[in-house]
Structure formats: C-alpha cells, structure tokens
Amino acid sequence: MRNRVTASVMTLGLILMLAPRADAAPLTIAGNVNSGTLFCATDQNAPCLYGTQVNDLNPTVGILDLGTAMIGGLLIEGSLHSEANGPALNVINSSSLTIQNTTAGQITLESTISADGFPGPTSFIANSGSGTWQTAEGSFATYSFYADALNAIGAQTATDRPGTLISTFTDTGVGIVDSFAVNYGPAPFGAAGPFSMTLGFDMLLEGSGRLISRGQTQVTDVAAVPEPVSLSLLGLGLAGLAYRRRR
C-alpha cells in the first residue's frame, strides 16, 4: 500500500466563526460522467434538478443508499453516503464498493456530496480517503475536502463545493492492482455552527478498469460548552478574586 499526496494540504488553522442559517437541507450528491451525463440524488428522495435523479433506497434519515446504478458507462455498485451530527462528532462519509468502466475507452467522473447543519462549536477537523485500483493502470482520482462556516449546501452541481478547501490529494493507478490511503489531521478548526461539509471526488478511469473499496470521510468534534451554572460559578470566582485584589 502506498501513501502518496500529490496536491498540497491547505489551511492548517481555520477560524470560522460566522453564524449561518439554522435549517438543514437533505444530504445531496451530484455527478457528471464524461462531461455530459448528469445525475443527482438526495436523502429521502427530495427533488433535485441536476440531470437524472437516482433513487435513495434507504428510508433512514442521514443515509443515502444508491445501491447499484449504471451511469454513462460506469457500473457503480454499493454506493453509500451518510452524515451524522454530534454531540460527540460530526461526520460525512462517501463510499462505493466498486466503480467499473464497462467500456474500452477512458471515462471521467466529477462528483460532489454535501451536507449542512452540522452543530458547533468545533476545535478540530480530520479527514481520510482510500481505494484500490484493479486493472486500471494510468487511472487517477482526486479526493478533496471542504468546510463552510456559512452553512451553504453544496452538490447542486458536480463541482459545487462551497467553503474552504481543507485538504486534497491525487492518486494514480500503477500495475494490475494498487492500493492507496491518505490521512489528514486532526488539525485546528473553529466553527460556531451550524456549518456544512462537502466531499469532492474526481476520476479518470481507463477502459475496463475498476476502483474498488473507495472511501472518503471527514470528521469534526463538537466541543463542550460550559453550562450556565458553571459559567455563574466562574463569574463569582473572578469577582471574588477582583475584590480580594482591590483590598
């Protein structure tokens, strides 16, 4: 297994303290195959307008299960995406068991998954991505990770990725079978919340090639906020200290 980062990790210390809207849009994905075949999907099958809508097969809120789909020559199996809100952690996941090029020519894919309404405050952010190329030498994939303190939902198009780029990496397939994994963080990250997180996945897949066990995850914490009683006790303590110093 190789661990290769070909694009620089960005923004080690982010202080994002804007307070955005409180409502949350459905977990959303949008994609573009070969610069012309557009598709979208949303949690609970809320309407989306970017090309053909692929059905969510899982009735559970926060899980977007697309099962198996043939889109523009790509056979995508086990396509599963999810979000989870604190209190301990905020998480956005995107995965697929297999992406197979069923043609003899190259196929490109641009795709984005996004969720908003994650609670704050936060103190760190971390992400990771992995996959295995199979008979796909020369294929490449770019994974990117974003967070937005303005809480804008992305994935309205295949390249709609609001907010700050947290990290990105690109991997190129070598040989008959080739695996990769990259981790970033935890790194300092501050957002008052609610905020959004977005994952980008862009790929060129050679004819008859496969990318299996593809996964992307981004995580932030939900920092503990002192209770009002604790704040009152702290205030009394500070007042007492100030009185003692005056005396």
Foldseek 3Di string as FASTA:
>chain_A
DDADFDDDFDDQAAAAEDEADQDKDFWKKWKDKQNHQIEIETQVGDDADTHHYQYQPDNDGFKRWRAWDQTPQKTWHGWIWGWDADQFKTKTKTWTAKIWRQFQFKMKMKMKIKIWNHAAFFWWKKKKKKWKKAQWAFKKKKKWKAKALNRDTANSYSPGFDHDTRGMGMDGDDDRMDMYMYMDDRGTDGHNDRIMMMMIMIIMTHHRMMIGGIMMMMMTGHDDDDDPVVVVVVVVVVVVVVVVVVD
